[in-house]
Full PDB file with SEQRES, HELIX, SHEET, SSBOND, CRYST1, ORIGX, SCALE, CONECT and MASTER records, all heavy atoms in Angstrom:
SEQRES   1 A   32  ILE GLN ASN GLU THR VAL SER SER THR LYS ILE ARG LYS          
SEQRES   2 A   32  ALA LEU HIS GLU GLY ASP ILE GLN LYS ALA ASN ALA TYR          
SEQRES   3 A   32  LEU ASP HIS GLN TYR ILE                                      
HELIX    1 AA1 GLU A    4  GLU A   17  1                                  14    
HELIX    2 AA2 ILE A   20  LEU A   27  1                                   8    
CRYST1    1.000    1.000    1.000  90.00  90.00  90.00 P 1           1          
ORIGX1      1.000000  0.000000  0.000000        0.00000                         
ORIGX2      0.000000  1.000000  0.000000        0.00000                         
ORIGX3      0.000000  0.000000  1.000000        0.00000                         
SCALE1      1.000000  0.000000  0.000000        0.00000                         
SCALE2      0.000000  1.000000  0.000000        0.00000                         
SCALE3      0.000000  0.000000  1.000000        0.00000                         
ATOM      1  N   ILE A   1     -64.920  68.657   1.135  1.00  0.00           N  
ATOM      2  CA  ILE A   1     -63.629  68.573   0.250  1.00  0.00           C  
ATOM      3  C   ILE A   1     -63.557  69.651  -0.767  1.00  0.00           C  
ATOM      4  O   ILE A   1     -62.684  69.568  -1.640  1.00  0.00           O  
ATOM      5  CB  ILE A   1     -63.541  67.166  -0.372  1.00  0.00           C  
ATOM      6  CG1 ILE A   1     -64.693  66.855  -1.305  1.00  0.00           C  
ATOM      7  CG2 ILE A   1     -63.305  66.125   0.594  1.00  0.00           C  
ATOM      8  CD1 ILE A   1     -64.573  65.501  -1.975  1.00  0.00           C  
ATOM      9  N   GLN A   2     -64.441  70.636  -0.736  1.00  0.00           N  
ATOM     10  CA  GLN A   2     -64.383  71.873  -1.447  1.00  0.00           C  
ATOM     11  C   GLN A   2     -64.157  71.578  -2.906  1.00  0.00           C  
ATOM     12  O   GLN A   2     -63.166  72.037  -3.547  1.00  0.00           O  
ATOM     13  CB  GLN A   2     -63.181  72.774  -0.910  1.00  0.00           C  
ATOM     14  CG  GLN A   2     -63.500  73.044   0.657  1.00  0.00           C  
ATOM     15  CD  GLN A   2     -62.529  74.204   1.129  1.00  0.00           C  
ATOM     16  OE1 GLN A   2     -62.071  74.936   0.321  1.00  0.00           O  
ATOM     17  NE2 GLN A   2     -62.286  74.187   2.368  1.00  0.00           N  
ATOM     18  N   ASN A   3     -65.135  70.865  -3.503  1.00  0.00           N  
ATOM     19  CA  ASN A   3     -65.047  70.602  -4.963  1.00  0.00           C  
ATOM     20  C   ASN A   3     -63.788  69.964  -5.471  1.00  0.00           C  
ATOM     21  O   ASN A   3     -63.084  70.519  -6.331  1.00  0.00           O  
ATOM     22  CB  ASN A   3     -65.303  71.957  -5.723  1.00  0.00           C  
ATOM     23  CG  ASN A   3     -66.759  72.414  -5.487  1.00  0.00           C  
ATOM     24  OD1 ASN A   3     -67.644  71.657  -5.414  1.00  0.00           O  
ATOM     25  ND2 ASN A   3     -66.866  73.647  -5.253  1.00  0.00           N  
ATOM     26  N   GLU A   4     -63.456  68.871  -4.839  1.00  0.00           N  
ATOM     27  CA  GLU A   4     -62.144  68.185  -5.089  1.00  0.00           C  
ATOM     28  C   GLU A   4     -61.887  67.956  -6.492  1.00  0.00           C  
ATOM     29  O   GLU A   4     -60.844  68.170  -7.099  1.00  0.00           O  
ATOM     30  CB  GLU A   4     -62.065  66.882  -4.243  1.00  0.00           C  
ATOM     31  CG  GLU A   4     -60.808  66.103  -4.558  1.00  0.00           C  
ATOM     32  CD  GLU A   4     -61.034  64.608  -4.707  1.00  0.00           C  
ATOM     33  OE1 GLU A   4     -62.192  64.240  -4.341  1.00  0.00           O  
ATOM     34  OE2 GLU A   4     -60.246  63.904  -5.101  1.00  0.00           O  
ATOM     35  N   THR A   5     -62.953  67.461  -7.251  1.00  0.00           N  
ATOM     36  CA  THR A   5     -62.838  67.118  -8.628  1.00  0.00           C  
ATOM     37  C   THR A   5     -62.525  68.303  -9.506  1.00  0.00           C  
ATOM     38  O   THR A   5     -61.576  68.165 -10.355  1.00  0.00           O  
ATOM     39  CB  THR A   5     -64.169  66.406  -9.143  1.00  0.00           C  
ATOM     40  OG1 THR A   5     -64.368  65.238  -8.298  1.00  0.00           O  
ATOM     41  CG2 THR A   5     -63.992  66.034 -10.652  1.00  0.00           C  
ATOM     42  N   VAL A   6     -63.169  69.387  -9.310  1.00  0.00           N  
ATOM     43  CA  VAL A   6     -62.902  70.526 -10.239  1.00  0.00           C  
ATOM     44  C   VAL A   6     -61.723  71.329  -9.886  1.00  0.00           C  
ATOM     45  O   VAL A   6     -61.193  72.126 -10.711  1.00  0.00           O  
ATOM     46  CB  VAL A   6     -64.135  71.349 -10.425  1.00  0.00           C  
ATOM     47  CG1 VAL A   6     -65.287  70.592 -11.015  1.00  0.00           C  
ATOM     48  CG2 VAL A   6     -64.569  71.947  -9.074  1.00  0.00           C  
ATOM     49  N   SER A   7     -61.222  71.290  -8.608  1.00  0.00           N  
ATOM     50  CA  SER A   7     -60.230  72.247  -8.275  1.00  0.00           C  
ATOM     51  C   SER A   7     -58.858  71.938  -8.919  1.00  0.00           C  
ATOM     52  O   SER A   7     -58.171  72.800  -9.146  1.00  0.00           O  
ATOM     53  CB  SER A   7     -60.081  72.330  -6.664  1.00  0.00           C  
ATOM     54  OG  SER A   7     -59.869  71.064  -6.094  1.00  0.00           O  
ATOM     55  N   SER A   8     -58.559  70.633  -9.145  1.00  0.00           N  
ATOM     56  CA  SER A   8     -57.319  70.319  -9.921  1.00  0.00           C  
ATOM     57  C   SER A   8     -57.353  71.018 -11.253  1.00  0.00           C  
ATOM     58  O   SER A   8     -56.334  71.538 -11.665  1.00  0.00           O  
ATOM     59  CB  SER A   8     -57.128  68.837 -10.018  1.00  0.00           C  
ATOM     60  OG  SER A   8     -56.693  68.306  -8.793  1.00  0.00           O  
ATOM     61  N   THR A   9     -58.548  70.921 -11.827  1.00  0.00           N  
ATOM     62  CA  THR A   9     -58.682  71.588 -13.191  1.00  0.00           C  
ATOM     63  C   THR A   9     -58.523  73.122 -13.056  1.00  0.00           C  
ATOM     64  O   THR A   9     -57.875  73.741 -13.869  1.00  0.00           O  
ATOM     65  CB  THR A   9     -60.076  71.279 -13.778  1.00  0.00           C  
ATOM     66  OG1 THR A   9     -60.217  69.810 -13.880  1.00  0.00           O  
ATOM     67  CG2 THR A   9     -60.217  71.849 -15.137  1.00  0.00           C  
ATOM     68  N   LYS A  10     -59.091  73.728 -11.982  1.00  0.00           N  
ATOM     69  CA  LYS A  10     -59.025  75.086 -11.818  1.00  0.00           C  
ATOM     70  C   LYS A  10     -57.562  75.535 -11.498  1.00  0.00           C  
ATOM     71  O   LYS A  10     -57.161  76.614 -11.949  1.00  0.00           O  
ATOM     72  CB  LYS A  10     -59.931  75.533 -10.552  1.00  0.00           C  
ATOM     73  CG  LYS A  10     -61.440  75.504 -10.881  1.00  0.00           C  
ATOM     74  CD  LYS A  10     -62.152  76.011  -9.635  1.00  0.00           C  
ATOM     75  CE  LYS A  10     -63.675  76.003  -9.884  1.00  0.00           C  
ATOM     76  NZ  LYS A  10     -64.358  76.462  -8.654  1.00  0.00           N  
ATOM     77  N   ILE A  11     -56.862  74.672 -10.735  1.00  0.00           N  
ATOM     78  CA  ILE A  11     -55.464  74.981 -10.509  1.00  0.00           C  
ATOM     79  C   ILE A  11     -54.644  74.984 -11.736  1.00  0.00           C  
ATOM     80  O   ILE A  11     -53.805  75.883 -12.005  1.00  0.00           O  
ATOM     81  CB  ILE A  11     -54.862  74.007  -9.422  1.00  0.00           C  
ATOM     82  CG1 ILE A  11     -55.572  74.162  -8.091  1.00  0.00           C  
ATOM     83  CG2 ILE A  11     -53.439  74.222  -9.265  1.00  0.00           C  
ATOM     84  CD1 ILE A  11     -55.374  73.017  -7.178  1.00  0.00           C  
ATOM     85  N   ARG A  12     -54.806  73.959 -12.561  1.00  0.00           N  
ATOM     86  CA  ARG A  12     -54.153  73.914 -13.815  1.00  0.00           C  
ATOM     87  C   ARG A  12     -54.427  75.095 -14.767  1.00  0.00           C  
ATOM     88  O   ARG A  12     -53.532  75.695 -15.361  1.00  0.00           O  
ATOM     89  CB  ARG A  12     -54.459  72.616 -14.652  1.00  0.00           C  
ATOM     90  CG  ARG A  12     -54.028  71.390 -13.881  1.00  0.00           C  
ATOM     91  CD  ARG A  12     -54.207  70.103 -14.711  1.00  0.00           C  
ATOM     92  NE  ARG A  12     -54.058  68.956 -13.951  1.00  0.00           N  
ATOM     93  CZ  ARG A  12     -55.075  68.076 -13.621  1.00  0.00           C  
ATOM     94  NH1 ARG A  12     -56.317  68.369 -14.159  1.00  0.00           N  
ATOM     95  NH2 ARG A  12     -54.857  67.026 -12.945  1.00  0.00           N  
ATOM     96  N   LYS A  13     -55.664  75.506 -14.747  1.00  0.00           N  
ATOM     97  CA  LYS A  13     -56.091  76.697 -15.539  1.00  0.00           C  
ATOM     98  C   LYS A  13     -55.423  77.899 -15.046  1.00  0.00           C  
ATOM     99  O   LYS A  13     -54.864  78.690 -15.789  1.00  0.00           O  
ATOM    100  CB  LYS A  13     -57.594  76.866 -15.477  1.00  0.00           C  
ATOM    101  CG  LYS A  13     -58.080  78.013 -16.297  1.00  0.00           C  
ATOM    102  CD  LYS A  13     -59.614  78.087 -16.347  1.00  0.00           C  
ATOM    103  CE  LYS A  13     -60.202  79.163 -17.263  1.00  0.00           C  
ATOM    104  NZ  LYS A  13     -59.884  80.521 -16.802  1.00  0.00           N  
ATOM    105  N   ALA A  14     -55.405  78.148 -13.642  1.00  0.00           N  
ATOM    106  CA  ALA A  14     -54.702  79.268 -13.094  1.00  0.00           C  
ATOM    107  C   ALA A  14     -53.197  79.309 -13.432  1.00  0.00           C  
ATOM    108  O   ALA A  14     -52.676  80.323 -13.760  1.00  0.00           O  
ATOM    109  CB  ALA A  14     -54.926  79.301 -11.576  1.00  0.00           C  
ATOM    110  N   LEU A  15     -52.540  78.088 -13.301  1.00  0.00           N  
ATOM    111  CA  LEU A  15     -51.162  78.055 -13.646  1.00  0.00           C  
ATOM    112  C   LEU A  15     -50.865  78.399 -15.099  1.00  0.00           C  
ATOM    113  O   LEU A  15     -49.844  78.960 -15.444  1.00  0.00           O  
ATOM    114  CB  LEU A  15     -50.644  76.619 -13.326  1.00  0.00           C  
ATOM    115  CG  LEU A  15     -50.481  76.390 -11.783  1.00  0.00           C  
ATOM    116  CD1 LEU A  15     -50.200  74.893 -11.505  1.00  0.00           C  
ATOM    117  CD2 LEU A  15     -49.534  77.372 -11.105  1.00  0.00           C  
ATOM    118  N   HIS A  16     -51.738  77.813 -16.056  1.00  0.00           N  
ATOM    119  CA  HIS A  16     -51.547  78.094 -17.453  1.00  0.00           C  
ATOM    120  C   HIS A  16     -51.596  79.597 -17.679  1.00  0.00           C  
ATOM    121  O   HIS A  16     -51.051  80.076 -18.605  1.00  0.00           O  
ATOM    122  CB  HIS A  16     -52.698  77.354 -18.224  1.00  0.00           C  
ATOM    123  CG  HIS A  16     -52.306  75.930 -18.494  1.00  0.00           C  
ATOM    124  ND1 HIS A  16     -51.177  75.625 -19.340  1.00  0.00           N  
ATOM    125  CD2 HIS A  16     -52.919  74.697 -18.273  1.00  0.00           C  
ATOM    126  CE1 HIS A  16     -51.118  74.162 -19.496  1.00  0.00           C  
ATOM    127  NE2 HIS A  16     -52.110  73.805 -18.832  1.00  0.00           N  
ATOM    128  N   GLU A  17     -52.491  80.303 -16.832  1.00  0.00           N  
ATOM    129  CA  GLU A  17     -52.639  81.803 -17.079  1.00  0.00           C  
ATOM    130  C   GLU A  17     -51.586  82.533 -16.313  1.00  0.00           C  
ATOM    131  O   GLU A  17     -51.667  83.768 -16.371  1.00  0.00           O  
ATOM    132  CB  GLU A  17     -54.064  82.088 -16.740  1.00  0.00           C  
ATOM    133  CG  GLU A  17     -55.162  81.454 -17.546  1.00  0.00           C  
ATOM    134  CD  GLU A  17     -56.529  81.668 -16.961  1.00  0.00           C  
ATOM    135  OE1 GLU A  17     -56.617  82.162 -15.839  1.00  0.00           O  
ATOM    136  OE2 GLU A  17     -57.496  81.404 -17.762  1.00  0.00           O  
ATOM    137  N   GLY A  18     -50.750  81.918 -15.517  1.00  0.00           N  
ATOM    138  CA  GLY A  18     -49.820  82.590 -14.746  1.00  0.00           C  
ATOM    139  C   GLY A  18     -50.363  83.208 -13.504  1.00  0.00           C  
ATOM    140  O   GLY A  18     -49.600  84.063 -12.860  1.00  0.00           O  
ATOM    141  N   ASP A  19     -51.560  82.817 -13.092  1.00  0.00           N  
ATOM    142  CA  ASP A  19     -52.125  83.331 -11.863  1.00  0.00           C  
ATOM    143  C   ASP A  19     -51.687  82.524 -10.607  1.00  0.00           C  
ATOM    144  O   ASP A  19     -52.483  81.669 -10.200  1.00  0.00           O  
ATOM    145  CB  ASP A  19     -53.654  83.440 -11.986  1.00  0.00           C  
ATOM    146  CG  ASP A  19     -54.375  84.242 -10.905  1.00  0.00           C  
ATOM    147  OD1 ASP A  19     -53.687  84.459  -9.862  1.00  0.00           O  
ATOM    148  OD2 ASP A  19     -55.465  84.656 -11.139  1.00  0.00           O  
ATOM    149  N   ILE A  20     -50.504  82.728 -10.289  1.00  0.00           N  
ATOM    150  CA  ILE A  20     -49.959  81.889  -9.167  1.00  0.00           C  
ATOM    151  C   ILE A  20     -50.634  82.112  -7.862  1.00  0.00           C  
ATOM    152  O   ILE A  20     -50.813  81.051  -7.084  1.00  0.00           O  
ATOM    153  CB  ILE A  20     -48.416  82.345  -9.020  1.00  0.00           C  
ATOM    154  CG1 ILE A  20     -47.592  82.138 -10.293  1.00  0.00           C  
ATOM    155  CG2 ILE A  20     -47.798  81.512  -7.875  1.00  0.00           C  
ATOM    156  CD1 ILE A  20     -47.539  80.676 -10.752  1.00  0.00           C  
ATOM    157  N   GLN A  21     -51.051  83.308  -7.578  1.00  0.00           N  
ATOM    158  CA  GLN A  21     -51.658  83.450  -6.260  1.00  0.00           C  
ATOM    159  C   GLN A  21     -53.064  82.792  -6.164  1.00  0.00           C  
ATOM    160  O   GLN A  21     -53.391  82.169  -5.160  1.00  0.00           O  
ATOM    161  CB  GLN A  21     -51.886  85.010  -6.063  1.00  0.00           C  
ATOM    162  CG  GLN A  21     -50.646  85.725  -5.791  1.00  0.00           C  
ATOM    163  CD  GLN A  21     -50.768  87.275  -5.854  1.00  0.00           C  
ATOM    164  OE1 GLN A  21     -51.168  87.730  -6.874  1.00  0.00           O  
ATOM    165  NE2 GLN A  21     -50.508  87.899  -4.746  1.00  0.00           N  
ATOM    166  N   LYS A  22     -53.783  82.670  -7.280  1.00  0.00           N  
ATOM    167  CA  LYS A  22     -55.032  81.953  -7.326  1.00  0.00           C  
ATOM    168  C   LYS A  22     -54.735  80.525  -7.183  1.00  0.00           C  
ATOM    169  O   LYS A  22     -55.406  79.758  -6.375  1.00  0.00           O  
ATOM    170  CB  LYS A  22     -55.871  82.189  -8.619  1.00  0.00           C  
ATOM    171  CG  LYS A  22     -57.133  81.478  -8.677  1.00  0.00           C  
ATOM    172  CD  LYS A  22     -57.890  81.662 -10.033  1.00  0.00           C  
ATOM    173  CE  LYS A  22     -58.452  82.961 -10.038  1.00  0.00           C  
ATOM    174  NZ  LYS A  22     -59.421  83.180 -11.266  1.00  0.00           N  
ATOM    175  N   ALA A  23     -53.757  79.950  -7.917  1.00  0.00           N  
ATOM    176  CA  ALA A  23     -53.402  78.577  -7.812  1.00  0.00           C  
ATOM    177  C   ALA A  23     -52.967  78.148  -6.374  1.00  0.00           C  
ATOM    178  O   ALA A  23     -53.358  77.179  -5.915  1.00  0.00           O  
ATOM    179  CB  ALA A  23     -52.270  78.257  -8.810  1.00  0.00           C  
ATOM    180  N   ASN A  24     -52.150  79.044  -5.806  1.00  0.00           N  
ATOM    181  CA  ASN A  24     -51.760  78.764  -4.382  1.00  0.00           C  
ATOM    182  C   ASN A  24     -52.909  78.795  -3.430  1.00  0.00           C  
ATOM    183  O   ASN A  24     -52.875  78.034  -2.501  1.00  0.00           O  
ATOM    184  CB  ASN A  24     -50.725  79.824  -3.998  1.00  0.00           C  
ATOM    185  CG  ASN A  24     -49.369  79.655  -4.689  1.00  0.00           C  
ATOM    186  OD1 ASN A  24     -49.125  78.686  -5.407  1.00  0.00           O  
ATOM    187  ND2 ASN A  24     -48.509  80.661  -4.595  1.00  0.00           N  
ATOM    188  N   ALA A  25     -53.898  79.559  -3.643  1.00  0.00           N  
ATOM    189  CA  ALA A  25     -55.057  79.597  -2.799  1.00  0.00           C  
ATOM    190  C   ALA A  25     -55.829  78.279  -2.903  1.00  0.00           C  
ATOM    191  O   ALA A  25     -56.271  77.721  -1.915  1.00  0.00           O  
ATOM    192  CB  ALA A  25     -55.975  80.767  -3.168  1.00  0.00           C  
ATOM    193  N   TYR A  26     -56.004  77.711  -4.090  1.00  0.00           N  
ATOM    194  CA  TYR A  26     -56.667  76.432  -4.261  1.00  0.00           C  
ATOM    195  C   TYR A  26     -55.769  75.335  -3.710  1.00  0.00           C  
ATOM    196  O   TYR A  26     -56.255  74.388  -3.002  1.00  0.00           O  
ATOM    197  CB  TYR A  26     -56.889  76.144  -5.695  1.00  0.00           C  
ATOM    198  CG  TYR A  26     -57.995  76.930  -6.365  1.00  0.00           C  
ATOM    199  CD1 TYR A  26     -57.848  77.643  -7.500  1.00  0.00           C  
ATOM    200  CD2 TYR A  26     -59.264  76.872  -5.823  1.00  0.00           C  
ATOM    201  CE1 TYR A  26     -58.859  78.352  -8.069  1.00  0.00           C  
ATOM    202  CE2 TYR A  26     -60.348  77.530  -6.452  1.00  0.00           C  
ATOM    203  CZ  TYR A  26     -60.136  78.291  -7.516  1.00  0.00           C  
ATOM    204  OH  TYR A  26     -61.218  78.903  -8.072  1.00  0.00           O  
ATOM    205  N   LEU A  27     -54.509  75.415  -3.781  1.00  0.00           N  
ATOM    206  CA  LEU A  27     -53.571  74.438  -3.364  1.00  0.00           C  
ATOM    207  C   LEU A  27     -53.477  74.399  -1.793  1.00  0.00           C  
ATOM    208  O   LEU A  27     -53.296  73.288  -1.221  1.00  0.00           O  
ATOM    209  CB  LEU A  27     -52.123  74.537  -3.912  1.00  0.00           C  
ATOM    210  CG  LEU A  27     -51.971  74.182  -5.361  1.00  0.00           C  
ATOM    211  CD1 LEU A  27     -50.688  74.771  -5.862  1.00  0.00           C  
ATOM    212  CD2 LEU A  27     -52.068  72.689  -5.607  1.00  0.00           C  
ATOM    213  N   ASP A  28     -53.588  75.568  -1.216  1.00  0.00           N  
ATOM    214  CA  ASP A  28     -53.370  75.774   0.150  1.00  0.00           C  
ATOM    215  C   ASP A  28     -51.880  75.540   0.551  1.00  0.00           C  
ATOM    216  O   ASP A  28     -51.463  75.335   1.691  1.00  0.00           O  
ATOM    217  CB  ASP A  28     -54.198  74.735   1.002  1.00  0.00           C  
ATOM    218  CG  ASP A  28     -54.290  75.148   2.477  1.00  0.00           C  
ATOM    219  OD1 ASP A  28     -54.250  76.404   2.773  1.00  0.00           O  
ATOM    220  OD2 ASP A  28     -54.248  74.251   3.349  1.00  0.00           O  
ATOM    221  N   HIS A  29     -50.985  75.705  -0.505  1.00  0.00           N  
ATOM    222  CA  HIS A  29     -49.668  75.756  -0.391  1.00  0.00           C  
ATOM    223  C   HIS A  29     -49.039  76.355  -1.666  1.00  0.00           C  
ATOM    224  O   HIS A  29     -49.842  76.492  -2.632  1.00  0.00           O  
ATOM    225  CB  HIS A  29     -48.956  74.454  -0.041  1.00  0.00           C  
ATOM    226  CG  HIS A  29     -49.207  73.414  -1.101  1.00  0.00           C  
ATOM    227  ND1 HIS A  29     -50.107  72.421  -0.990  1.00  0.00           N  
ATOM    228  CD2 HIS A  29     -48.717  73.283  -2.345  1.00  0.00           C  
ATOM    229  CE1 HIS A  29     -50.102  71.685  -2.042  1.00  0.00           C  
ATOM    230  NE2 HIS A  29     -49.269  72.116  -2.864  1.00  0.00           N  
ATOM    231  N   GLN A  30     -47.793  76.708  -1.695  1.00  0.00           N  
ATOM    232  CA  GLN A  30     -47.349  77.281  -2.904  1.00  0.00           C  
ATOM    233  C   GLN A  30     -47.029  76.168  -4.025  1.00  0.00           C  
ATOM    234  O   GLN A  30     -46.626  75.072  -3.659  1.00  0.00           O  
ATOM    235  CB  GLN A  30     -45.933  77.967  -2.582  1.00  0.00           C  
ATOM    236  CG  GLN A  30     -46.044  79.436  -2.314  1.00  0.00           C  
ATOM    237  CD  GLN A  30     -45.502  79.785  -0.889  1.00  0.00           C  
ATOM    238  OE1 GLN A  30     -44.937  78.920  -0.256  1.00  0.00           O  
ATOM    239  NE2 GLN A  30     -45.711  80.987  -0.420  1.00  0.00           N  
ATOM    240  N   TYR A  31     -47.285  76.530  -5.209  1.00  0.00           N  
ATOM    241  CA  TYR A  31     -46.896  75.788  -6.337  1.00  0.00           C  
ATOM    242  C   TYR A  31     -45.434  75.553  -6.324  1.00  0.00           C  
ATOM    243  O   TYR A  31     -44.622  76.563  -6.047  1.00  0.00           O  
ATOM    244  CB  TYR A  31     -47.321  76.340  -7.694  1.00  0.00           C  
ATOM    245  CG  TYR A  31     -46.708  75.883  -8.929  1.00  0.00           C  
ATOM    246  CD1 TYR A  31     -47.167  74.637  -9.463  1.00  0.00           C  
ATOM    247  CD2 TYR A  31     -45.517  76.431  -9.483  1.00  0.00           C  
ATOM    248  CE1 TYR A  31     -46.573  74.072 -10.626  1.00  0.00           C  
ATOM    249  CE2 TYR A  31     -44.960  75.881 -10.629  1.00  0.00           C  
ATOM    250  CZ  TYR A  31     -45.496  74.805 -11.240  1.00  0.00           C  
ATOM    251  OH  TYR A  31     -44.900  74.224 -12.256  1.00  0.00           O  
ATOM    252  N   ILE A  32     -44.806  74.358  -6.566  1.00  0.00           N  
ATOM    253  CA  ILE A  32     -43.526  74.127  -6.392  1.00  0.00           C  
ATOM    254  C   ILE A  32     -42.857  73.397  -7.675  1.00  0.00           C  
ATOM    255  O   ILE A  32     -43.575  72.789  -8.438  1.00  0.00           O  
ATOM    256  CB  ILE A  32     -43.184  73.217  -5.146  1.00  0.00           C  
ATOM    257  CG1 ILE A  32     -43.838  71.780  -5.259  1.00  0.00           C  
ATOM    258  CG2 ILE A  32     -43.570  73.884  -3.840  1.00  0.00           C  
ATOM    259  CD1 ILE A  32     -43.493  70.817  -4.217  1.00  0.00           C  
TER     260      ILE A  32                                                      
MASTER        0    0    0    2    0    0    0    6  259    1    0    3          
END                                                                             
């Protein structure tokens, strides 16, 4: 499950920083 617990936190951090591409890679789809 590829670090399910921490990846939501990583996604939020990437979004807070405006790093959309990194967030999308973790999500496996585009942020919407």
